[in-house]
Amino acid sequence: MMTFPKKPGMTEGHDERSVQLLEFLLADEVNHVLYGIHWIDDLTKDDPERRAHVLACPNQVLTAQHPVGGRFNETINVR
């Protein structure tokens, strides 16, 4: 399983179970993102207009719903 850096004091107070749960949830989300990147790349590889439309969606959602805003930067899935 993937592990994430822990901030100092995260495990103080004997809350190791919560840290383990957080690590599991974050690793699971990383996999979801990787699946999404793969399928976006695969399904839009021959249609740049569709790709631009699909990649505009995260920016619209982040702008409208994220409490402090955000910006999605495109990455190319390297195989």
PDB file of N, CA and C in Angstrom:
ATOM      1  N   MET A   1       0.841  -1.175   0.000  1.00  0.00           N
ATOM      2  CA  MET A   1       0.000   0.000   0.000  1.00  0.00           C
ATOM      3  C   MET A   1       0.889   1.243   0.000  1.00  0.00           C
ATOM      4  N   MET A   2       0.455   2.279  -0.674  1.00  0.00           N
ATOM      5  CA  MET A   2       1.169   3.538  -0.727  1.00  0.00           C
ATOM      6  C   MET A   2       1.062   4.218   0.638  1.00  0.00           C
ATOM      7  N   THR A   3       2.142   4.839   1.086  1.00  0.00           N
ATOM      8  CA  THR A   3       2.078   5.601   2.327  1.00  0.00           C
ATOM      9  C   THR A   3       2.338   7.061   2.017  1.00  0.00           C
ATOM     10  N   PHE A   4       1.799   7.914   2.844  1.00  0.00           N
ATOM     11  CA  PHE A   4       1.909   9.349   2.666  1.00  0.00           C
ATOM     12  C   PHE A   4       2.682   9.929   3.835  1.00  0.00           C
ATOM     13  N   PRO A   5       3.419  11.013   3.617  1.00  0.00           N
ATOM     14  CA  PRO A   5       4.179  11.605   4.723  1.00  0.00           C
ATOM     15  C   PRO A   5       3.251  12.018   5.851  1.00  0.00           C
ATOM     16  N   LYS A   6       3.685  11.763   7.054  1.00  0.00           N
ATOM     17  CA  LYS A   6       2.900  12.142   8.232  1.00  0.00           C
ATOM     18  C   LYS A   6       3.431  13.453   8.798  1.00  0.00           C
ATOM     19  N   LYS A   7       2.522  14.295   9.211  1.00  0.00           N
ATOM     20  CA  LYS A   7       2.921  15.538   9.863  1.00  0.00           C
ATOM     21  C   LYS A   7       3.337  15.216  11.296  1.00  0.00           C
ATOM     22  N   PRO A   8       4.260  15.998  11.850  1.00  0.00           N
ATOM     23  CA  PRO A   8       4.648  15.773  13.240  1.00  0.00           C
ATOM     24  C   PRO A   8       3.416  15.829  14.152  1.00  0.00           C
ATOM     25  N   GLY A   9       3.331  14.882  15.064  1.00  0.00           N
ATOM     26  CA  GLY A   9       2.219  14.861  16.007  1.00  0.00           C
ATOM     27  C   GLY A   9       0.992  14.109  15.518  1.00  0.00           C
ATOM     28  N   MET A  10       1.010  13.622  14.282  1.00  0.00           N
ATOM     29  CA  MET A  10      -0.170  12.942  13.744  1.00  0.00           C
ATOM     30  C   MET A  10      -0.533  11.690  14.522  1.00  0.00           C
ATOM     31  N   THR A  11       0.473  10.996  15.011  1.00  0.00           N
ATOM     32  CA  THR A  11       0.179   9.749  15.706  1.00  0.00           C
ATOM     33  C   THR A  11       0.221   9.900  17.216  1.00  0.00           C
ATOM     34  N   GLU A  12       0.472  11.102  17.696  1.00  0.00           N
ATOM     35  CA  GLU A  12       0.429  11.319  19.142  1.00  0.00           C
ATOM     36  C   GLU A  12      -0.999  11.136  19.620  1.00  0.00           C
ATOM     37  N   GLY A  13      -1.145  10.613  20.807  1.00  0.00           N
ATOM     38  CA  GLY A  13      -2.489  10.361  21.318  1.00  0.00           C
ATOM     39  C   GLY A  13      -2.986   8.988  20.917  1.00  0.00           C
ATOM     40  N   HIS A  14      -2.110   8.171  20.362  1.00  0.00           N
ATOM     41  CA  HIS A  14      -2.431   6.781  20.031  1.00  0.00           C
ATOM     42  C   HIS A  14      -3.608   6.664  19.054  1.00  0.00           C
ATOM     43  N   ASP A  15      -3.611   7.500  18.031  1.00  0.00           N
ATOM     44  CA  ASP A  15      -4.680   7.443  17.029  1.00  0.00           C
ATOM     45  C   ASP A  15      -4.143   6.848  15.731  1.00  0.00           C
ATOM     46  N   GLU A  16      -3.353   5.808  15.848  1.00  0.00           N
ATOM     47  CA  GLU A  16      -2.749   5.167  14.675  1.00  0.00           C
ATOM     48  C   GLU A  16      -3.818   4.631  13.725  1.00  0.00           C
ATOM     49  N   ARG A  17      -4.941   4.171  14.254  1.00  0.00           N
ATOM     50  CA  ARG A  17      -6.014   3.615  13.410  1.00  0.00           C
ATOM     51  C   ARG A  17      -6.555   4.671  12.444  1.00  0.00           C
ATOM     52  N   SER A  18      -6.727   5.890  12.910  1.00  0.00           N
ATOM     53  CA  SER A  18      -7.205   6.966  12.032  1.00  0.00           C
ATOM     54  C   SER A  18      -6.182   7.278  10.949  1.00  0.00           C
ATOM     55  N   VAL A  19      -4.907   7.249  11.309  1.00  0.00           N
ATOM     56  CA  VAL A  19      -3.841   7.483  10.327  1.00  0.00           C
ATOM     57  C   VAL A  19      -3.874   6.388   9.265  1.00  0.00           C
ATOM     58  N   GLN A  20      -4.041   5.139   9.683  1.00  0.00           N
ATOM     59  CA  GLN A  20      -4.108   4.024   8.731  1.00  0.00           C
ATOM     60  C   GLN A  20      -5.310   4.174   7.808  1.00  0.00           C
ATOM     61  N   LEU A  21      -6.447   4.570   8.358  1.00  0.00           N
ATOM     62  CA  LEU A  21      -7.647   4.760   7.546  1.00  0.00           C
ATOM     63  C   LEU A  21      -7.440   5.876   6.524  1.00  0.00           C
ATOM     64  N   LEU A  22      -6.858   6.972   6.957  1.00  0.00           N
ATOM     65  CA  LEU A  22      -6.588   8.081   6.043  1.00  0.00           C
ATOM     66  C   LEU A  22      -5.654   7.654   4.922  1.00  0.00           C
ATOM     67  N   GLU A  23      -4.595   6.914   5.260  1.00  0.00           N
ATOM     68  CA  GLU A  23      -3.671   6.434   4.233  1.00  0.00           C
ATOM     69  C   GLU A  23      -4.383   5.532   3.233  1.00  0.00           C
ATOM     70  N   PHE A  24      -5.261   4.653   3.721  1.00  0.00           N
ATOM     71  CA  PHE A  24      -6.003   3.769   2.837  1.00  0.00           C
ATOM     72  C   PHE A  24      -6.899   4.566   1.889  1.00  0.00           C
ATOM     73  N   LEU A  25      -7.636   5.525   2.436  1.00  0.00           N
ATOM     74  CA  LEU A  25      -8.547   6.324   1.611  1.00  0.00           C
ATOM     75  C   LEU A  25      -7.786   7.141   0.566  1.00  0.00           C
ATOM     76  N   LEU A  26      -6.667   7.731   0.949  1.00  0.00           N
ATOM     77  CA  LEU A  26      -5.881   8.511  -0.007  1.00  0.00           C
ATOM     78  C   LEU A  26      -5.308   7.625  -1.108  1.00  0.00           C
ATOM     79  N   ALA A  27      -4.798   6.451  -0.745  1.00  0.00           N
ATOM     80  CA  ALA A  27      -4.262   5.532  -1.758  1.00  0.00           C
ATOM     81  C   ALA A  27      -5.362   5.089  -2.714  1.00  0.00           C
ATOM     82  N   ASP A  28      -6.556   4.852  -2.196  1.00  0.00           N
ATOM     83  CA  ASP A  28      -7.686   4.455  -3.029  1.00  0.00           C
ATOM     84  C   ASP A  28      -8.058   5.573  -4.002  1.00  0.00           C
ATOM     85  N   GLU A  29      -8.036   6.809  -3.545  1.00  0.00           N
ATOM     86  CA  GLU A  29      -8.351   7.934  -4.416  1.00  0.00           C
ATOM     87  C   GLU A  29      -7.292   8.110  -5.498  1.00  0.00           C
ATOM     88  N   VAL A  30      -6.035   7.864  -5.169  1.00  0.00           N
ATOM     89  CA  VAL A  30      -4.974   7.937  -6.182  1.00  0.00           C
ATOM     90  C   VAL A  30      -5.282   6.961  -7.314  1.00  0.00           C
ATOM     91  N   ASN A  31      -5.721   5.757  -6.971  1.00  0.00           N
ATOM     92  CA  ASN A  31      -6.083   4.778  -8.009  1.00  0.00           C
ATOM     93  C   ASN A  31      -7.246   5.265  -8.858  1.00  0.00           C
ATOM     94  N   HIS A  32      -8.242   5.879  -8.251  1.00  0.00           N
ATOM     95  CA  HIS A  32      -9.376   6.398  -9.027  1.00  0.00           C
ATOM     96  C   HIS A  32      -8.908   7.457 -10.027  1.00  0.00           C
ATOM     97  N   VAL A  33      -8.031   8.325  -9.580  1.00  0.00           N
ATOM     98  CA  VAL A  33      -7.511   9.366 -10.473  1.00  0.00           C
ATOM     99  C   VAL A  33      -6.730   8.742 -11.624  1.00  0.00           C
ATOM    100  N   LEU A  34      -5.910   7.733 -11.330  1.00  0.00           N
ATOM    101  CA  LEU A  34      -5.141   7.077 -12.392  1.00  0.00           C
ATOM    102  C   LEU A  34      -6.051   6.398 -13.411  1.00  0.00           C
ATOM    103  N   TYR A  35      -7.115   5.761 -12.948  1.00  0.00           N
ATOM    104  CA  TYR A  35      -8.073   5.154 -13.888  1.00  0.00           C
ATOM    105  C   TYR A  35      -8.702   6.231 -14.767  1.00  0.00           C
ATOM    106  N   GLY A  36      -9.094   7.340 -14.156  1.00  0.00           N
ATOM    107  CA  GLY A  36      -9.699   8.427 -14.918  1.00  0.00           C
ATOM    108  C   GLY A  36      -8.756   8.996 -15.955  1.00  0.00           C
ATOM    109  N   ILE A  37      -7.504   9.212 -15.568  1.00  0.00           N
ATOM    110  CA  ILE A  37      -6.516   9.734 -16.513  1.00  0.00           C
ATOM    111  C   ILE A  37      -6.342   8.779 -17.690  1.00  0.00           C
ATOM    112  N   HIS A  38      -6.257   7.500 -17.381  1.00  0.00           N
ATOM    113  CA  HIS A  38      -6.102   6.504 -18.450  1.00  0.00           C
ATOM    114  C   HIS A  38      -7.265   6.588 -19.439  1.00  0.00           C
ATOM    115  N   TRP A  39      -8.493   6.604 -18.924  1.00  0.00           N
ATOM    116  CA  TRP A  39      -9.651   6.582 -19.819  1.00  0.00           C
ATOM    117  C   TRP A  39      -9.846   7.903 -20.553  1.00  0.00           C
ATOM    118  N   ILE A  40      -9.532   9.016 -19.928  1.00  0.00           N
ATOM    119  CA  ILE A  40      -9.598  10.296 -20.645  1.00  0.00           C
ATOM    120  C   ILE A  40      -8.612  10.279 -21.805  1.00  0.00           C
ATOM    121  N   ASP A  41      -7.395   9.836 -21.533  1.00  0.00           N
ATOM    122  CA  ASP A  41      -6.390   9.750 -22.603  1.00  0.00           C
ATOM    123  C   ASP A  41      -6.859   8.828 -23.718  1.00  0.00           C
ATOM    124  N   ASP A  42      -7.344   7.649 -23.353  1.00  0.00           N
ATOM    125  CA  ASP A  42      -7.738   6.652 -24.347  1.00  0.00           C
ATOM    126  C   ASP A  42      -8.949   7.097 -25.171  1.00  0.00           C
ATOM    127  N   LEU A  43      -9.953   7.636 -24.514  1.00  0.00           N
ATOM    128  CA  LEU A  43     -11.202   7.971 -25.211  1.00  0.00           C
ATOM    129  C   LEU A  43     -11.143   9.278 -25.987  1.00  0.00           C
ATOM    130  N   THR A  44     -10.126  10.105 -25.737  1.00  0.00           N
ATOM    131  CA  THR A  44     -10.051  11.390 -26.449  1.00  0.00           C
ATOM    132  C   THR A  44      -8.778  11.533 -27.282  1.00  0.00           C
ATOM    133  N   LYS A  45      -8.039  10.447 -27.462  1.00  0.00           N
ATOM    134  CA  LYS A  45      -6.744  10.542 -28.142  1.00  0.00           C
ATOM    135  C   LYS A  45      -6.840  11.029 -29.582  1.00  0.00           C
ATOM    136  N   ASP A  46      -7.962  10.782 -30.253  1.00  0.00           N
ATOM    137  CA  ASP A  46      -8.107  11.187 -31.650  1.00  0.00           C
ATOM    138  C   ASP A  46      -9.050  12.367 -31.836  1.00  0.00           C
ATOM    139  N   ASP A  47      -9.419  13.019 -30.742  1.00  0.00           N
ATOM    140  CA  ASP A  47     -10.400  14.105 -30.830  1.00  0.00           C
ATOM    141  C   ASP A  47     -10.005  15.247 -29.884  1.00  0.00           C
ATOM    142  N   PRO A  48      -9.105  16.145 -30.333  1.00  0.00           N
ATOM    143  CA  PRO A  48      -8.629  17.226 -29.463  1.00  0.00           C
ATOM    144  C   PRO A  48      -9.742  18.136 -28.942  1.00  0.00           C
ATOM    145  N   GLU A  49     -10.788  18.338 -29.741  1.00  0.00           N
ATOM    146  CA  GLU A  49     -11.888  19.195 -29.296  1.00  0.00           C
ATOM    147  C   GLU A  49     -12.628  18.549 -28.124  1.00  0.00           C
ATOM    148  N   ARG A  50     -12.881  17.261 -28.238  1.00  0.00           N
ATOM    149  CA  ARG A  50     -13.549  16.539 -27.150  1.00  0.00           C
ATOM    150  C   ARG A  50     -12.667  16.528 -25.902  1.00  0.00           C
ATOM    151  N   ARG A  51     -11.359  16.326 -26.092  1.00  0.00           N
ATOM    152  CA  ARG A  51     -10.420  16.330 -24.974  1.00  0.00           C
ATOM    153  C   ARG A  51     -10.458  17.668 -24.243  1.00  0.00           C
ATOM    154  N   ALA A  52     -10.445  18.761 -24.996  1.00  0.00           N
ATOM    155  CA  ALA A  52     -10.502  20.094 -24.385  1.00  0.00           C
ATOM    156  C   ALA A  52     -11.791  20.262 -23.591  1.00  0.00           C
ATOM    157  N   HIS A  53     -12.903  19.772 -24.137  1.00  0.00           N
ATOM    158  CA  HIS A  53     -14.191  19.863 -23.453  1.00  0.00           C
ATOM    159  C   HIS A  53     -14.168  19.049 -22.154  1.00  0.00           C
ATOM    160  N   VAL A  54     -13.652  17.820 -22.221  1.00  0.00           N
ATOM    161  CA  VAL A  54     -13.590  16.956 -21.039  1.00  0.00           C
ATOM    162  C   VAL A  54     -12.691  17.580 -19.971  1.00  0.00           C
ATOM    163  N   LEU A  55     -11.556  18.117 -20.359  1.00  0.00           N
ATOM    164  CA  LEU A  55     -10.624  18.680 -19.389  1.00  0.00           C
ATOM    165  C   LEU A  55     -11.080  20.021 -18.829  1.00  0.00           C
ATOM    166  N   ALA A  56     -12.054  20.659 -19.466  1.00  0.00           N
ATOM    167  CA  ALA A  56     -12.611  21.897 -18.923  1.00  0.00           C
ATOM    168  C   ALA A  56     -13.543  21.617 -17.749  1.00  0.00           C
ATOM    169  N   CYS A  57     -14.090  20.420 -17.668  1.00  0.00           N
ATOM    170  CA  CYS A  57     -15.050  20.088 -16.606  1.00  0.00           C
ATOM    171  C   CYS A  57     -14.479  20.224 -15.201  1.00  0.00           C
ATOM    172  N   PRO A  58     -13.267  19.699 -14.911  1.00  0.00           N
ATOM    173  CA  PRO A  58     -12.759  19.873 -13.539  1.00  0.00           C
ATOM    174  C   PRO A  58     -12.623  21.333 -13.135  1.00  0.00           C
ATOM    175  N   ASN A  59     -12.203  22.196 -14.062  1.00  0.00           N
ATOM    176  CA  ASN A  59     -12.085  23.617 -13.729  1.00  0.00           C
ATOM    177  C   ASN A  59     -13.441  24.216 -13.393  1.00  0.00           C
ATOM    178  N   GLN A  60     -14.471  23.831 -14.138  1.00  0.00           N
ATOM    179  CA  GLN A  60     -15.812  24.345 -13.864  1.00  0.00           C
ATOM    180  C   GLN A  60     -16.283  23.911 -12.486  1.00  0.00           C
ATOM    181  N   VAL A  61     -16.059  22.658 -12.137  1.00  0.00           N
ATOM    182  CA  VAL A  61     -16.487  22.136 -10.834  1.00  0.00           C
ATOM    183  C   VAL A  61     -15.682  22.795  -9.718  1.00  0.00           C
ATOM    184  N   LEU A  62     -14.353  22.862  -9.883  1.00  0.00           N
ATOM    185  CA  LEU A  62     -13.531  23.466  -8.841  1.00  0.00           C
ATOM    186  C   LEU A  62     -13.892  24.925  -8.616  1.00  0.00           C
ATOM    187  N   THR A  63     -14.119  25.648  -9.692  1.00  0.00           N
ATOM    188  CA  THR A  63     -14.461  27.055  -9.572  1.00  0.00           C
ATOM    189  C   THR A  63     -15.797  27.239  -8.865  1.00  0.00           C
ATOM    190  N   ALA A  64     -16.766  26.403  -9.216  1.00  0.00           N
ATOM    191  CA  ALA A  64     -18.116  26.557  -8.672  1.00  0.00           C
ATOM    192  C   ALA A  64     -18.276  25.995  -7.260  1.00  0.00           C
ATOM    193  N   GLN A  65     -17.565  24.907  -6.922  1.00  0.00           N
ATOM    194  CA  GLN A  65     -17.877  24.203  -5.692  1.00  0.00           C
ATOM    195  C   GLN A  65     -16.774  24.176  -4.647  1.00  0.00           C
ATOM    196  N   HIS A  66     -15.539  24.388  -5.035  1.00  0.00           N
ATOM    197  CA  HIS A  66     -14.451  24.313  -4.062  1.00  0.00           C
ATOM    198  C   HIS A  66     -14.459  25.567  -3.201  1.00  0.00           C
ATOM    199  N   PRO A  67     -14.318  25.426  -1.889  1.00  0.00           N
ATOM    200  CA  PRO A  67     -14.446  26.588  -1.006  1.00  0.00           C
ATOM    201  C   PRO A  67     -13.426  27.696  -1.249  1.00  0.00           C
ATOM    202  N   VAL A  68     -12.246  27.356  -1.753  1.00  0.00           N
ATOM    203  CA  VAL A  68     -11.250  28.397  -2.024  1.00  0.00           C
ATOM    204  C   VAL A  68     -10.881  28.466  -3.496  1.00  0.00           C
ATOM    205  N   GLY A  69     -11.664  27.808  -4.337  1.00  0.00           N
ATOM    206  CA  GLY A  69     -11.368  27.788  -5.759  1.00  0.00           C
ATOM    207  C   GLY A  69     -10.279  26.786  -6.062  1.00  0.00           C
ATOM    208  N   GLY A  70      -9.894  26.707  -7.280  1.00  0.00           N
ATOM    209  CA  GLY A  70      -8.852  25.761  -7.653  1.00  0.00           C
ATOM    210  C   GLY A  70      -8.665  25.777  -9.147  1.00  0.00           C
ATOM    211  N   ARG A  71      -7.641  25.111  -9.572  1.00  0.00           N
ATOM    212  CA  ARG A  71      -7.348  25.036 -11.002  1.00  0.00           C
ATOM    213  C   ARG A  71      -6.804  23.653 -11.299  1.00  0.00           C
ATOM    214  N   PHE A  72      -7.361  23.021 -12.334  1.00  0.00           N
ATOM    215  CA  PHE A  72      -6.930  21.704 -12.773  1.00  0.00           C
ATOM    216  C   PHE A  72      -5.908  21.893 -13.873  1.00  0.00           C
ATOM    217  N   ASN A  73      -4.730  21.302 -13.712  1.00  0.00           N
ATOM    218  CA  ASN A  73      -3.710  21.370 -14.747  1.00  0.00           C
ATOM    219  C   ASN A  73      -3.626  20.037 -15.451  1.00  0.00           C
ATOM    220  N   GLU A  74      -3.720  20.063 -16.770  1.00  0.00           N
ATOM    221  CA  GLU A  74      -3.674  18.826 -17.551  1.00  0.00           C
ATOM    222  C   GLU A  74      -2.307  18.178 -17.435  1.00  0.00           C
ATOM    223  N   THR A  75      -2.345  16.877 -17.319  1.00  0.00           N
ATOM    224  CA  THR A  75      -1.121  16.091 -17.385  1.00  0.00           C
ATOM    225  C   THR A  75      -1.335  15.028 -18.445  1.00  0.00           C
ATOM    226  N   ILE A  76      -0.294  14.626 -19.078  1.00  0.00           N
ATOM    227  CA  ILE A  76      -0.373  13.567 -20.065  1.00  0.00           C
ATOM    228  C   ILE A  76      -0.006  12.260 -19.369  1.00  0.00           C
ATOM    229  N   ASN A  77      -0.844  11.276 -19.531  1.00  0.00           N
ATOM    230  CA  ASN A  77      -0.598   9.976 -18.928  1.00  0.00           C
ATOM    231  C   ASN A  77       0.562   9.301 -19.646  1.00  0.00           C
ATOM    232  N   VAL A  78       1.679   9.171 -18.964  1.00  0.00           N
ATOM    233  CA  VAL A  78       2.873   8.563 -19.547  1.00  0.00           C
ATOM    234  C   VAL A  78       2.801   7.064 -19.349  1.00  0.00           C
ATOM    235  N   ARG A  79       2.944   6.324 -20.424  1.00  0.00           N
ATOM    236  CA  ARG A  79       2.863   4.864 -20.336  1.00  0.00           C
ATOM    237  C   ARG A  79       4.219   4.261 -20.384  1.00  0.00           C
TER     238      ARG A  79
END
